[in-house]
Amino acid sequence: MKNLKYTLLILLGMFFTFQSEAQKKSRIQPGRLYETGETLYAPRFGFTAKVPEGFQGMLPRESEVFLLVPTTETYGELYVFGRDKGNLSAMRDTWMKGLELSESIKLKAVNPSVTDDMLSAEVIAEGEYINKGQKGFAVSRCNPAGPCVTVLMVAPAQFYESVKNSVIQFISSSTFQPPSNEPPYADFDWKEFLSNKVLMTYASMQGGSKENTIHLCADGTFSANIKKSGIFKNQNPKYKGSSSGKWSVKGPGPVTAIQFTFDKKDLPMLEAPLSIKEEQVFSNDERYFVGQSDKCK
């Protein structure tokens, strides 16, 4: 299954949506790493689950598919995604027809069956450049209120059964409650979201050299390397270069302000705007990428 996991992340999102949610009851946050036992909550689908034993997961930025991978010597990937409305009977028919991933690759379920409130089946890939050493499995459950959640597993044949058991445990232990369309960032906790993260800008949207990096540690300290104005736009040019100090944010919500107090006494306190929209963080109309910091203890 050539480059299957990357193809899935792009193409499955065209058919199903797994809206990234901000917070409140550990709402799923894009870019955050979730460890074994942590709670995943997607209000749009009324879906709550825990990261299974031996796994960690993340909702990659710019993606609508939550990815879970093993942390042990087991190999495989779990892709979790949802749809706003559905039922297991109709989904079973769709699975049997198969899903076109590309002009040359198709996913098809083998004898999908419904047991209790779960639809499940082995999944095979048909077409060119198929890695016969990989096997697939899919399982779905639906919220009585309408939305459905699916987990698609891809793993080497030798790990198929063990990873499949993790999939079943994950979905069978999940719970549903009435879906909520509450604004995703109404109570967004910036302090929690930014702690032990790094804010980065690049020379272009396609990547390239980093222009600004700001490490924000949970203890309230920061360290930065600023090559251009960016978050410090229209501010004192002395802010460029390496600096460190204390940071804080003003409050929750889709728009806030981040404050920097510098260790260098000749640099006055700086306040810069921050906003989040459709999973993207901005300051002074410039896009900032958020990742795990490798400098915070």
Protein backbone atom coordinates (compact mmCIF):
# COMPACT_ATOMS: atom_id res chain seq x y z
CA MET A 1 0.00 0.00 0.00
CA LYS A 2 2.37 2.64 -1.31
CA ASN A 3 2.34 5.78 0.85
CA LEU A 4 -1.03 4.60 2.14
CA LYS A 5 -1.02 6.45 5.44
CA TYR A 6 -0.37 9.78 3.72
CA THR A 7 -2.98 9.10 1.03
CA LEU A 8 -5.54 8.30 3.71
CA LEU A 9 -4.89 11.51 5.60
CA ILE A 10 -5.67 13.51 2.48
CA LEU A 11 -8.43 11.52 0.79
CA LEU A 12 -10.49 10.26 3.69
CA GLY A 13 -10.93 13.83 4.84
CA MET A 14 -12.83 14.49 1.60
CA PHE A 15 -15.54 12.03 2.59
CA PHE A 16 -15.66 12.32 6.35
CA THR A 17 -14.97 15.19 8.72
CA PHE A 18 -13.38 14.98 12.12
CA GLN A 19 -13.62 18.63 13.18
CA SER A 20 -10.75 19.58 15.45
CA GLU A 21 -12.18 20.85 18.70
CA ALA A 22 -10.59 23.35 21.01
CA GLN A 23 -10.85 22.33 24.63
CA LYS A 24 -13.36 21.91 27.48
CA LYS A 25 -13.37 18.34 28.77
CA SER A 26 -10.05 17.81 26.95
CA ARG A 27 -11.44 18.73 23.56
CA ILE A 28 -9.16 17.50 20.81
CA GLN A 29 -6.50 20.08 20.00
CA PRO A 30 -4.61 20.06 16.69
CA GLY A 31 -0.89 19.53 17.11
CA ARG A 32 -1.07 18.25 20.67
CA LEU A 33 0.41 14.83 21.47
CA TYR A 34 -1.97 12.58 23.45
CA GLU A 35 -0.45 9.79 25.51
CA THR A 36 -1.87 6.45 26.69
CA GLY A 37 -4.96 6.90 28.86
CA GLU A 38 -5.62 10.54 27.94
CA THR A 39 -9.17 11.49 27.05
CA LEU A 40 -10.18 12.44 23.52
CA TYR A 41 -13.37 14.47 23.25
CA ALA A 42 -15.04 15.63 20.02
CA PRO A 43 -18.21 17.58 20.93
CA ARG A 44 -19.36 17.79 17.32
CA PHE A 45 -19.86 14.02 17.32
CA GLY A 46 -20.59 13.68 21.04
CA PHE A 47 -17.71 11.21 21.12
CA THR A 48 -15.41 10.47 24.07
CA ALA A 49 -12.63 7.86 24.16
CA LYS A 50 -9.27 7.19 25.74
CA VAL A 51 -5.97 6.63 23.96
CA PRO A 52 -5.46 2.85 24.14
CA GLU A 53 -2.65 1.20 26.07
CA GLY A 54 0.65 1.35 24.20
CA PHE A 55 -0.44 4.12 21.82
CA GLN A 56 -0.12 7.86 21.42
CA GLY A 57 -2.01 10.10 19.06
CA MET A 58 -2.29 13.48 17.39
CA LEU A 59 -4.58 15.43 15.12
CA PRO A 60 -2.05 16.65 12.54
CA ARG A 61 -2.51 20.27 11.56
CA GLU A 62 -4.33 20.77 8.26
CA SER A 63 -5.87 17.30 8.67
CA GLU A 64 -9.31 16.05 9.67
CA VAL A 65 -8.14 12.55 10.60
CA PHE A 66 -6.85 11.74 14.10
CA LEU A 67 -3.79 9.48 13.97
CA LEU A 68 -2.86 6.90 16.63
CA VAL A 69 0.44 5.00 16.52
CA PRO A 70 2.02 2.40 18.85
CA THR A 71 4.69 3.42 21.32
CA THR A 72 6.00 -0.17 21.64
CA GLU A 73 7.75 -2.43 19.15
CA THR A 74 4.39 -3.13 17.54
CA TYR A 75 3.81 -1.39 14.21
CA GLY A 76 0.65 0.00 12.65
CA GLU A 77 -1.50 3.13 12.36
CA LEU A 78 -5.05 3.88 13.45
CA TYR A 79 -6.98 6.60 11.62
CA VAL A 80 -10.01 7.98 13.48
CA PHE A 81 -12.54 10.08 11.59
CA GLY A 82 -16.22 10.94 11.74
CA ARG A 83 -19.24 11.95 9.74
CA ASP A 84 -22.13 14.14 10.85
CA LYS A 85 -24.89 11.64 10.04
CA GLY A 86 -25.11 7.97 9.19
CA ASN A 87 -26.25 4.52 10.16
CA LEU A 88 -24.46 1.21 10.23
CA SER A 89 -26.67 -0.42 7.59
CA ALA A 90 -26.00 2.28 5.00
CA MET A 91 -22.31 2.34 5.91
CA ARG A 92 -22.13 -1.43 5.43
CA ASP A 93 -23.39 -1.03 1.85
CA THR A 94 -20.83 1.69 1.20
CA TRP A 95 -18.02 -0.41 2.61
CA MET A 96 -18.94 -3.34 0.35
CA LYS A 97 -18.79 -1.09 -2.73
CA GLY A 98 -15.38 0.18 -1.72
CA LEU A 99 -13.70 3.56 -1.56
CA GLU A 100 -11.56 4.93 -4.38
CA LEU A 101 -8.37 6.37 -2.89
CA SER A 102 -6.90 7.17 -6.29
CA GLU A 103 -7.26 6.16 -9.92
CA SER A 104 -5.31 2.99 -9.21
CA ILE A 105 -6.03 2.16 -5.54
CA LYS A 106 -9.32 1.12 -3.97
CA LEU A 107 -10.16 0.10 -0.40
CA LYS A 108 -12.83 -2.56 0.03
CA ALA A 109 -14.31 -4.26 3.09
CA VAL A 110 -14.48 -8.07 3.25
CA ASN A 111 -17.85 -9.33 4.50
CA PRO A 112 -18.62 -6.38 6.80
CA SER A 113 -20.88 -7.36 9.67
CA VAL A 114 -22.82 -5.62 12.42
CA THR A 115 -22.49 -7.02 15.95
CA ASP A 116 -24.36 -5.23 18.71
CA ASP A 117 -23.72 -1.55 17.88
CA MET A 118 -20.50 -1.97 15.86
CA LEU A 119 -19.83 -2.44 12.15
CA SER A 120 -16.50 -4.12 11.43
CA ALA A 121 -14.60 -5.81 8.64
CA GLU A 122 -11.18 -6.68 7.33
CA VAL A 123 -10.18 -4.16 4.66
CA ILE A 124 -8.13 -4.95 1.57
CA ALA A 125 -6.52 -2.67 -0.97
CA GLU A 126 -6.90 -3.36 -4.67
CA GLY A 127 -4.84 -1.88 -7.48
CA GLU A 128 -1.24 -1.09 -8.38
CA TYR A 129 1.72 -0.89 -6.02
CA ILE A 130 -0.06 -2.69 -3.18
CA ASN A 131 2.12 -3.87 -0.31
CA LYS A 132 0.82 -7.37 0.33
CA GLY A 133 2.54 -7.40 3.70
CA GLN A 134 0.03 -4.85 5.07
CA LYS A 135 -3.45 -5.69 6.32
CA GLY A 136 -6.36 -3.42 7.15
CA PHE A 137 -9.32 -3.46 9.53
CA ALA A 138 -12.16 -1.00 10.06
CA VAL A 139 -14.80 -0.56 12.74
CA SER A 140 -17.57 2.02 13.22
CA ARG A 141 -20.03 3.07 15.89
CA CYS A 142 -22.81 5.64 15.66
CA ASN A 143 -24.15 8.13 18.15
CA PRO A 144 -27.91 7.58 18.64
CA ALA A 145 -28.23 11.28 17.81
CA GLY A 146 -26.77 10.77 14.32
CA PRO A 147 -22.98 11.17 13.98
CA CYS A 148 -20.76 8.13 13.39
CA VAL A 149 -17.09 7.52 14.17
CA THR A 150 -14.86 5.11 12.23
CA VAL A 151 -11.43 3.69 13.04
CA LEU A 152 -9.37 2.39 10.11
CA MET A 153 -6.30 0.32 10.95
CA VAL A 154 -3.32 -0.45 8.72
CA ALA A 155 -0.61 -2.75 10.07
CA PRO A 156 1.99 -5.30 8.94
CA ALA A 157 0.46 -8.78 8.77
CA GLN A 158 2.46 -10.04 11.76
CA PHE A 159 0.99 -7.33 14.00
CA TYR A 160 -2.54 -7.43 12.60
CA GLU A 161 -4.26 -9.28 15.45
CA SER A 162 -2.65 -7.37 18.31
CA VAL A 163 -3.33 -3.96 16.73
CA LYS A 164 -6.85 -5.05 15.77
CA ASN A 165 -7.53 -5.89 19.44
CA SER A 166 -6.45 -2.35 20.38
CA VAL A 167 -8.85 -0.93 17.79
CA ILE A 168 -11.77 -2.92 19.16
CA GLN A 169 -10.92 -1.98 22.75
CA PHE A 170 -10.67 1.71 21.77
CA ILE A 171 -13.99 1.92 19.96
CA SER A 172 -15.99 -0.42 22.22
CA SER A 173 -15.00 1.51 25.36
CA SER A 174 -15.86 4.87 23.79
CA THR A 175 -19.03 6.69 24.81
CA PHE A 176 -21.53 9.01 23.15
CA GLN A 177 -23.49 11.96 24.40
CA PRO A 178 -25.64 14.55 22.57
CA PRO A 179 -23.52 16.36 19.95
CA SER A 180 -22.73 20.02 20.53
CA ASN A 181 -22.16 22.75 17.96
CA GLU A 182 -20.79 25.17 20.51
CA PRO A 183 -18.14 27.49 19.06
CA PRO A 184 -14.90 25.49 19.13
CA TYR A 185 -12.74 28.28 20.58
CA ALA A 186 -15.20 30.06 22.89
CA ASP A 187 -13.30 28.93 26.00
CA PHE A 188 -9.95 28.17 24.41
CA ASP A 189 -7.30 27.93 27.14
CA TRP A 190 -4.22 29.57 25.66
CA LYS A 191 -2.05 28.95 28.70
CA GLU A 192 -2.63 25.20 28.53
CA PHE A 193 -2.34 25.12 24.74
CA LEU A 194 0.93 27.07 24.54
CA SER A 195 2.73 25.58 27.54
CA ASN A 196 5.86 23.66 26.49
CA LYS A 197 5.25 24.60 22.86
CA VAL A 198 7.27 26.50 20.28
CA LEU A 199 5.83 29.16 17.98
CA MET A 200 7.52 29.18 14.57
CA THR A 201 7.40 31.08 11.30
CA TYR A 202 9.11 30.03 8.10
CA ALA A 203 10.57 31.86 5.10
CA SER A 204 7.63 30.61 3.01
CA MET A 205 4.42 28.66 3.54
CA GLN A 206 6.10 25.71 1.80
CA GLY A 207 8.75 25.57 4.52
CA GLY A 208 12.38 26.60 4.29
CA SER A 209 14.42 28.24 7.01
CA LYS A 210 12.83 29.25 10.28
CA GLU A 211 12.57 32.99 10.74
CA ASN A 212 11.16 33.21 14.27
CA THR A 213 11.12 30.61 17.05
CA ILE A 214 9.65 31.29 20.49
CA HIS A 215 9.76 28.52 23.11
CA LEU A 216 7.05 28.92 25.76
CA CYS A 217 7.63 26.75 28.84
CA ALA A 218 4.98 25.72 31.34
CA ASP A 219 6.88 27.43 34.17
CA GLY A 220 6.21 30.79 32.53
CA THR A 221 9.66 31.29 30.98
CA PHE A 222 10.43 31.77 27.31
CA SER A 223 13.41 31.83 24.99
CA ALA A 224 13.30 33.25 21.48
CA ASN A 225 15.31 33.78 18.35
CA ILE A 226 13.77 36.51 16.22
CA LYS A 227 15.08 37.17 12.69
CA LYS A 228 12.30 39.46 11.51
CA SER A 229 9.53 41.51 13.10
CA GLY A 230 6.70 38.97 12.98
CA ILE A 231 5.03 38.76 16.35
CA PHE A 232 6.99 41.86 17.39
CA LYS A 233 5.77 43.87 14.39
CA ASN A 234 6.01 47.65 14.73
CA GLN A 235 8.02 47.21 17.89
CA ASN A 236 11.53 48.18 19.01
CA PRO A 237 14.13 46.64 16.60
CA LYS A 238 16.14 45.62 19.66
CA TYR A 239 13.67 42.75 20.10
CA LYS A 240 15.39 40.94 17.23
CA GLY A 241 17.97 38.26 17.98
CA SER A 242 18.13 35.98 21.01
CA SER A 243 16.15 36.83 24.12
CA SER A 244 14.56 35.23 27.17
CA GLY A 245 12.27 36.12 30.04
CA LYS A 246 8.73 35.50 31.27
CA TRP A 247 5.50 35.06 29.30
CA SER A 248 1.78 35.05 30.07
CA VAL A 249 -1.54 35.29 28.25
CA LYS A 250 -4.47 37.55 29.09
CA GLY A 251 -7.35 35.12 28.93
CA PRO A 252 -9.36 32.44 27.08
CA GLY A 253 -11.25 32.70 23.81
CA PRO A 254 -10.44 32.87 20.09
CA VAL A 255 -8.56 36.16 20.51
CA THR A 256 -6.11 37.01 23.28
CA ALA A 257 -2.81 38.77 23.90
CA ILE A 258 0.53 37.29 24.90
CA GLN A 259 2.82 39.30 27.13
CA PHE A 260 6.61 39.07 27.26
CA THR A 261 8.77 40.42 30.07
CA PHE A 262 12.43 40.33 29.07
CA ASP A 263 15.46 39.46 31.15
CA LYS A 264 17.32 42.27 29.39
CA LYS A 265 16.49 45.35 31.42
CA ASP A 266 16.70 47.67 28.39
CA LEU A 267 13.76 45.87 26.73
CA PRO A 268 10.33 46.98 27.95
CA MET A 269 7.45 44.55 28.38
CA LEU A 270 5.82 43.62 25.07
CA GLU A 271 2.20 42.65 24.39
CA ALA A 272 1.29 41.01 21.07
CA PRO A 273 -2.09 39.81 19.74
CA LEU A 274 -2.85 36.12 19.24
CA SER A 275 -5.82 34.58 17.49
CA ILE A 276 -6.90 31.10 16.41
CA LYS A 277 -9.21 30.29 13.52
CA GLU A 278 -9.79 27.00 11.74
CA GLU A 279 -6.90 25.41 13.65
CA GLN A 280 -4.44 28.13 12.62
CA VAL A 281 -2.68 30.56 14.99
CA PHE A 282 -1.95 34.14 13.93
CA SER A 283 -0.20 37.18 15.36
CA ASN A 284 -0.28 40.51 13.54
CA ASP A 285 -1.89 38.73 10.57
CA GLU A 286 1.05 36.35 10.26
CA ARG A 287 0.65 32.58 10.51
CA TYR A 288 2.50 30.84 13.35
CA PHE A 289 3.00 27.08 13.53
CA VAL A 290 2.81 25.44 16.95
CA GLY A 291 4.84 22.37 17.93
CA GLN A 292 6.27 20.63 20.96
CA SER A 293 9.27 22.48 22.39
CA ASP A 294 12.55 20.62 22.74
CA LYS A 295 13.93 23.28 25.11
CA CYS A 296 11.37 23.15 27.93
CA LYS A 297 12.08 20.70 30.75
